[in-house]
Amino acid sequence: MWGAALLDAAVPTVAESGVPCGVLVNAADGEQGLVLPPVAGVVPENVAVDGPESIAAQIGRMEEGA
């Protein structure tokens, strides 16, 4: 499985719980590791915190029971 396919499946699954999900790349590699934020261009746009529908809006709907 390609990394992009994994991200397309895993990040939205975590985001459905109402928790923004960024991406760690080579996290155990010290200074060469990357921590990427959950923004459009890194994660799928529909779950990005700056995407068309922000996580905050999704959480608001969840709290309302919609």
PDB file of N, CA and C in Angstrom:
ATOM      1  N   MET A   1       0.855  -1.174   0.000  1.00  0.00           N
ATOM      2  CA  MET A   1       0.000   0.000   0.000  1.00  0.00           C
ATOM      3  C   MET A   1       0.902   1.239   0.000  1.00  0.00           C
ATOM      4  N   TRP A   2       0.564   2.190  -0.834  1.00  0.00           N
ATOM      5  CA  TRP A   2       1.306   3.445  -0.881  1.00  0.00           C
ATOM      6  C   TRP A   2       0.944   4.301   0.332  1.00  0.00           C
ATOM      7  N   GLY A   3       1.872   5.120   0.750  1.00  0.00           N
ATOM      8  CA  GLY A   3       1.636   5.987   1.899  1.00  0.00           C
ATOM      9  C   GLY A   3       0.441   6.895   1.706  1.00  0.00           C
ATOM     10  N   ALA A   4       0.280   7.433   0.488  1.00  0.00           N
ATOM     11  CA  ALA A   4      -0.845   8.337   0.221  1.00  0.00           C
ATOM     12  C   ALA A   4      -2.176   7.613   0.397  1.00  0.00           C
ATOM     13  N   ALA A   5      -2.250   6.368  -0.024  1.00  0.00           N
ATOM     14  CA  ALA A   5      -3.490   5.604   0.132  1.00  0.00           C
ATOM     15  C   ALA A   5      -3.783   5.367   1.606  1.00  0.00           C
ATOM     16  N   LEU A   6      -2.755   5.115   2.383  1.00  0.00           N
ATOM     17  CA  LEU A   6      -2.930   4.939   3.822  1.00  0.00           C
ATOM     18  C   LEU A   6      -3.447   6.222   4.459  1.00  0.00           C
ATOM     19  N   LEU A   7      -2.863   7.351   4.072  1.00  0.00           N
ATOM     20  CA  LEU A   7      -3.312   8.632   4.622  1.00  0.00           C
ATOM     21  C   LEU A   7      -4.751   8.927   4.231  1.00  0.00           C
ATOM     22  N   ASP A   8      -5.110   8.611   2.991  1.00  0.00           N
ATOM     23  CA  ASP A   8      -6.479   8.864   2.532  1.00  0.00           C
ATOM     24  C   ASP A   8      -7.489   8.049   3.327  1.00  0.00           C
ATOM     25  N   ALA A   9      -7.071   6.916   3.874  1.00  0.00           N
ATOM     26  CA  ALA A   9      -7.978   6.081   4.665  1.00  0.00           C
ATOM     27  C   ALA A   9      -7.870   6.367   6.158  1.00  0.00           C
ATOM     28  N   ALA A  10      -6.654   6.472   6.677  1.00  0.00           N
ATOM     29  CA  ALA A  10      -6.445   6.575   8.124  1.00  0.00           C
ATOM     30  C   ALA A  10      -6.792   7.952   8.689  1.00  0.00           C
ATOM     31  N   VAL A  11      -6.368   9.010   8.029  1.00  0.00           N
ATOM     32  CA  VAL A  11      -6.589  10.352   8.575  1.00  0.00           C
ATOM     33  C   VAL A  11      -8.083  10.665   8.696  1.00  0.00           C
ATOM     34  N   PRO A  12      -8.903  10.413   7.670  1.00  0.00           N
ATOM     35  CA  PRO A  12     -10.339  10.673   7.831  1.00  0.00           C
ATOM     36  C   PRO A  12     -10.978   9.811   8.928  1.00  0.00           C
ATOM     37  N   THR A  13     -10.496   8.593   9.094  1.00  0.00           N
ATOM     38  CA  THR A  13     -11.039   7.726  10.132  1.00  0.00           C
ATOM     39  C   THR A  13     -10.797   8.327  11.511  1.00  0.00           C
ATOM     40  N   VAL A  14      -9.600   8.835  11.744  1.00  0.00           N
ATOM     41  CA  VAL A  14      -9.296   9.483  13.022  1.00  0.00           C
ATOM     42  C   VAL A  14     -10.085  10.782  13.148  1.00  0.00           C
ATOM     43  N   ALA A  15     -10.171  11.552  12.073  1.00  0.00           N
ATOM     44  CA  ALA A  15     -10.870  12.837  12.101  1.00  0.00           C
ATOM     45  C   ALA A  15     -12.355  12.672  12.408  1.00  0.00           C
ATOM     46  N   GLU A  16     -12.938  11.538  12.035  1.00  0.00           N
ATOM     47  CA  GLU A  16     -14.351  11.287  12.332  1.00  0.00           C
ATOM     48  C   GLU A  16     -14.621  11.298  13.830  1.00  0.00           C
ATOM     49  N   SER A  17     -13.600  11.021  14.620  1.00  0.00           N
ATOM     50  CA  SER A  17     -13.762  11.042  16.075  1.00  0.00           C
ATOM     51  C   SER A  17     -13.737  12.466  16.615  1.00  0.00           C
ATOM     52  N   GLY A  18     -13.480  13.441  15.745  1.00  0.00           N
ATOM     53  CA  GLY A  18     -13.437  14.837  16.162  1.00  0.00           C
ATOM     54  C   GLY A  18     -12.056  15.322  16.538  1.00  0.00           C
ATOM     55  N   VAL A  19     -11.044  14.499  16.293  1.00  0.00           N
ATOM     56  CA  VAL A  19      -9.670  14.861  16.633  1.00  0.00           C
ATOM     57  C   VAL A  19      -8.899  15.150  15.349  1.00  0.00           C
ATOM     58  N   PRO A  20      -8.368  16.373  15.195  1.00  0.00           N
ATOM     59  CA  PRO A  20      -7.551  16.642  14.003  1.00  0.00           C
ATOM     60  C   PRO A  20      -6.349  15.702  13.968  1.00  0.00           C
ATOM     61  N   CYS A  21      -5.994  15.250  12.807  1.00  0.00           N
ATOM     62  CA  CYS A  21      -4.919  14.272  12.677  1.00  0.00           C
ATOM     63  C   CYS A  21      -3.890  14.748  11.666  1.00  0.00           C
ATOM     64  N   GLY A  22      -2.694  15.083  12.127  1.00  0.00           N
ATOM     65  CA  GLY A  22      -1.591  15.435  11.245  1.00  0.00           C
ATOM     66  C   GLY A  22      -0.838  14.183  10.840  1.00  0.00           C
ATOM     67  N   VAL A  23       0.377  14.378  10.353  1.00  0.00           N
ATOM     68  CA  VAL A  23       1.160  13.262   9.836  1.00  0.00           C
ATOM     69  C   VAL A  23       2.575  13.334  10.396  1.00  0.00           C
ATOM     70  N   LEU A  24       3.083  12.204  10.875  1.00  0.00           N
ATOM     71  CA  LEU A  24       4.472  12.088  11.299  1.00  0.00           C
ATOM     72  C   LEU A  24       5.231  11.338  10.217  1.00  0.00           C
ATOM     73  N   VAL A  25       6.382  11.864   9.840  1.00  0.00           N
ATOM     74  CA  VAL A  25       7.228  11.212   8.844  1.00  0.00           C
ATOM     75  C   VAL A  25       8.579  10.953   9.485  1.00  0.00           C
ATOM     76  N   ASN A  26       8.996   9.693   9.515  1.00  0.00           N
ATOM     77  CA  ASN A  26      10.265   9.317  10.133  1.00  0.00           C
ATOM     78  C   ASN A  26      10.381   9.870  11.550  1.00  0.00           C
ATOM     79  N   ALA A  27       9.341   9.670  12.325  1.00  0.00           N
ATOM     80  CA  ALA A  27       9.271  10.247  13.669  1.00  0.00           C
ATOM     81  C   ALA A  27      10.420   9.818  14.565  1.00  0.00           C
ATOM     82  N   ALA A  28      10.946   8.632  14.384  1.00  0.00           N
ATOM     83  CA  ALA A  28      12.022   8.138  15.237  1.00  0.00           C
ATOM     84  C   ALA A  28      13.400   8.511  14.720  1.00  0.00           C
ATOM     85  N   ASP A  29      13.456   9.354  13.711  1.00  0.00           N
ATOM     86  CA  ASP A  29      14.721   9.677  13.058  1.00  0.00           C
ATOM     87  C   ASP A  29      15.309  10.999  13.536  1.00  0.00           C
ATOM     88  N   GLY A  30      14.995  11.393  14.745  1.00  0.00           N
ATOM     89  CA  GLY A  30      15.588  12.597  15.330  1.00  0.00           C
ATOM     90  C   GLY A  30      15.318  13.846  14.529  1.00  0.00           C
ATOM     91  N   GLU A  31      16.369  14.566  14.209  1.00  0.00           N
ATOM     92  CA  GLU A  31      16.248  15.857  13.518  1.00  0.00           C
ATOM     93  C   GLU A  31      15.695  15.735  12.109  1.00  0.00           C
ATOM     94  N   GLN A  32      15.752  14.562  11.505  1.00  0.00           N
ATOM     95  CA  GLN A  32      15.262  14.417  10.142  1.00  0.00           C
ATOM     96  C   GLN A  32      13.781  14.054  10.088  1.00  0.00           C
ATOM     97  N   GLY A  33      13.179  13.815  11.248  1.00  0.00           N
ATOM     98  CA  GLY A  33      11.748  13.526  11.287  1.00  0.00           C
ATOM     99  C   GLY A  33      10.936  14.784  11.036  1.00  0.00           C
ATOM    100  N   LEU A  34       9.720  14.592  10.551  1.00  0.00           N
ATOM    101  CA  LEU A  34       8.831  15.717  10.275  1.00  0.00           C
ATOM    102  C   LEU A  34       7.514  15.526  11.003  1.00  0.00           C
ATOM    103  N   VAL A  35       6.954  16.620  11.460  1.00  0.00           N
ATOM    104  CA  VAL A  35       5.600  16.634  11.993  1.00  0.00           C
ATOM    105  C   VAL A  35       4.824  17.603  11.111  1.00  0.00           C
ATOM    106  N   LEU A  36       3.869  17.067  10.358  1.00  0.00           N
ATOM    107  CA  LEU A  36       3.111  17.885   9.426  1.00  0.00           C
ATOM    108  C   LEU A  36       1.712  18.128   9.979  1.00  0.00           C
ATOM    109  N   PRO A  37       1.230  19.371   9.897  1.00  0.00           N
ATOM    110  CA  PRO A  37      -0.072  19.703  10.476  1.00  0.00           C
ATOM    111  C   PRO A  37      -1.226  19.173   9.628  1.00  0.00           C
ATOM    112  N   PRO A  38      -2.419  19.078  10.233  1.00  0.00           N
ATOM    113  CA  PRO A  38      -3.580  18.598   9.497  1.00  0.00           C
ATOM    114  C   PRO A  38      -4.210  19.692   8.629  1.00  0.00           C
ATOM    115  N   VAL A  39      -3.480  20.145   7.634  1.00  0.00           N
ATOM    116  CA  VAL A  39      -3.954  21.204   6.741  1.00  0.00           C
ATOM    117  C   VAL A  39      -4.085  20.673   5.316  1.00  0.00           C
ATOM    118  N   ALA A  40      -4.856  21.387   4.508  1.00  0.00           N
ATOM    119  CA  ALA A  40      -5.037  21.013   3.105  1.00  0.00           C
ATOM    120  C   ALA A  40      -3.678  20.942   2.426  1.00  0.00           C
ATOM    121  N   GLY A  41      -3.489  19.928   1.635  1.00  0.00           N
ATOM    122  CA  GLY A  41      -2.211  19.698   0.972  1.00  0.00           C
ATOM    123  C   GLY A  41      -1.377  18.648   1.685  1.00  0.00           C
ATOM    124  N   VAL A  42      -1.684  18.430   2.962  1.00  0.00           N
ATOM    125  CA  VAL A  42      -1.001  17.396   3.736  1.00  0.00           C
ATOM    126  C   VAL A  42      -1.950  16.224   3.968  1.00  0.00           C
ATOM    127  N   VAL A  43      -3.146  16.539   4.414  1.00  0.00           N
ATOM    128  CA  VAL A  43      -4.179  15.519   4.640  1.00  0.00           C
ATOM    129  C   VAL A  43      -5.304  15.775   3.644  1.00  0.00           C
ATOM    130  N   PRO A  44      -6.208  14.809   3.461  1.00  0.00           N
ATOM    131  CA  PRO A  44      -7.325  15.040   2.544  1.00  0.00           C
ATOM    132  C   PRO A  44      -8.078  16.323   2.910  1.00  0.00           C
ATOM    133  N   GLU A  45      -8.433  17.099   1.906  1.00  0.00           N
ATOM    134  CA  GLU A  45      -9.026  18.420   2.118  1.00  0.00           C
ATOM    135  C   GLU A  45     -10.292  18.389   2.967  1.00  0.00           C
ATOM    136  N   ASN A  46     -11.078  17.331   2.841  1.00  0.00           N
ATOM    137  CA  ASN A  46     -12.336  17.287   3.588  1.00  0.00           C
ATOM    138  C   ASN A  46     -12.149  17.115   5.093  1.00  0.00           C
ATOM    139  N   VAL A  47     -10.953  16.783   5.559  1.00  0.00           N
ATOM    140  CA  VAL A  47     -10.693  16.671   7.006  1.00  0.00           C
ATOM    141  C   VAL A  47      -9.604  17.633   7.480  1.00  0.00           C
ATOM    142  N   ALA A  48      -9.140  18.503   6.598  1.00  0.00           N
ATOM    143  CA  ALA A  48      -8.118  19.486   6.968  1.00  0.00           C
ATOM    144  C   ALA A  48      -8.738  20.568   7.851  1.00  0.00           C
ATOM    145  N   VAL A  49      -7.980  21.066   8.822  1.00  0.00           N
ATOM    146  CA  VAL A  49      -8.507  22.108   9.706  1.00  0.00           C
ATOM    147  C   VAL A  49      -8.743  23.417   8.961  1.00  0.00           C
ATOM    148  N   ASP A  50      -8.123  23.579   7.807  1.00  0.00           N
ATOM    149  CA  ASP A  50      -8.355  24.774   7.001  1.00  0.00           C
ATOM    150  C   ASP A  50      -9.092  24.431   5.708  1.00  0.00           C
ATOM    151  N   GLY A  51      -9.721  23.262   5.697  1.00  0.00           N
ATOM    152  CA  GLY A  51     -10.433  22.798   4.517  1.00  0.00           C
ATOM    153  C   GLY A  51     -11.803  23.441   4.382  1.00  0.00           C
ATOM    154  N   PRO A  52     -12.589  22.971   3.410  1.00  0.00           N
ATOM    155  CA  PRO A  52     -13.898  23.565   3.157  1.00  0.00           C
ATOM    156  C   PRO A  52     -14.836  23.471   4.355  1.00  0.00           C
ATOM    157  N   GLU A  53     -14.710  22.430   5.125  1.00  0.00           N
ATOM    158  CA  GLU A  53     -15.487  22.310   6.354  1.00  0.00           C
ATOM    159  C   GLU A  53     -14.506  21.961   7.459  1.00  0.00           C
ATOM    160  N   SER A  54     -14.284  22.897   8.339  1.00  0.00           N
ATOM    161  CA  SER A  54     -13.263  22.699   9.361  1.00  0.00           C
ATOM    162  C   SER A  54     -13.679  21.657  10.385  1.00  0.00           C
ATOM    163  N   ILE A  55     -12.698  21.133  11.067  1.00  0.00           N
ATOM    164  CA  ILE A  55     -12.945  20.167  12.139  1.00  0.00           C
ATOM    165  C   ILE A  55     -13.847  20.796  13.202  1.00  0.00           C
ATOM    166  N   ALA A  56     -13.655  22.089  13.470  1.00  0.00           N
ATOM    167  CA  ALA A  56     -14.484  22.757  14.475  1.00  0.00           C
ATOM    168  C   ALA A  56     -15.958  22.675  14.095  1.00  0.00           C
ATOM    169  N   ALA A  57     -16.269  22.856  12.827  1.00  0.00           N
ATOM    170  CA  ALA A  57     -17.661  22.762  12.382  1.00  0.00           C
ATOM    171  C   ALA A  57     -18.167  21.342  12.552  1.00  0.00           C
ATOM    172  N   GLN A  58     -17.325  20.363  12.254  1.00  0.00           N
ATOM    173  CA  GLN A  58     -17.718  18.963  12.418  1.00  0.00           C
ATOM    174  C   GLN A  58     -17.985  18.653  13.889  1.00  0.00           C
ATOM    175  N   ILE A  59     -17.145  19.157  14.762  1.00  0.00           N
ATOM    176  CA  ILE A  59     -17.316  18.914  16.200  1.00  0.00           C
ATOM    177  C   ILE A  59     -18.618  19.568  16.670  1.00  0.00           C
ATOM    178  N   GLY A  60     -18.896  20.770  16.175  1.00  0.00           N
ATOM    179  CA  GLY A  60     -20.121  21.456  16.537  1.00  0.00           C
ATOM    180  C   GLY A  60     -21.351  20.635  16.167  1.00  0.00           C
ATOM    181  N   ARG A  61     -21.327  20.037  14.992  1.00  0.00           N
ATOM    182  CA  ARG A  61     -22.439  19.185  14.561  1.00  0.00           C
ATOM    183  C   ARG A  61     -22.556  17.948  15.456  1.00  0.00           C
ATOM    184  N   MET A  62     -21.391  17.373  15.818  1.00  0.00           N
ATOM    185  CA  MET A  62     -21.413  16.189  16.673  1.00  0.00           C
ATOM    186  C   MET A  62     -22.012  16.529  18.036  1.00  0.00           C
ATOM    187  N   GLU A  63     -21.676  17.697  18.574  1.00  0.00           N
ATOM    188  CA  GLU A  63     -22.189  18.118  19.874  1.00  0.00           C
ATOM    189  C   GLU A  63     -23.697  18.366  19.824  1.00  0.00           C
ATOM    190  N   GLU A  64     -24.177  18.798  18.660  1.00  0.00           N
ATOM    191  CA  GLU A  64     -25.611  19.058  18.490  1.00  0.00           C
ATOM    192  C   GLU A  64     -26.374  17.754  18.250  1.00  0.00           C
ATOM    193  N   GLY A  65     -25.649  16.681  17.997  1.00  0.00           N
ATOM    194  CA  GLY A  65     -26.288  15.404  17.749  1.00  0.00           C
ATOM    195  C   GLY A  65     -26.759  15.234  16.327  1.00  0.00           C
ATOM    196  N   ALA A  66     -26.244  16.037  15.413  1.00  0.00           N
ATOM    197  CA  ALA A  66     -26.647  15.943  13.999  1.00  0.00           C
ATOM    198  C   ALA A  66     -25.969  14.824  13.295  1.00  0.00           C
TER     199      ALA A  66
END
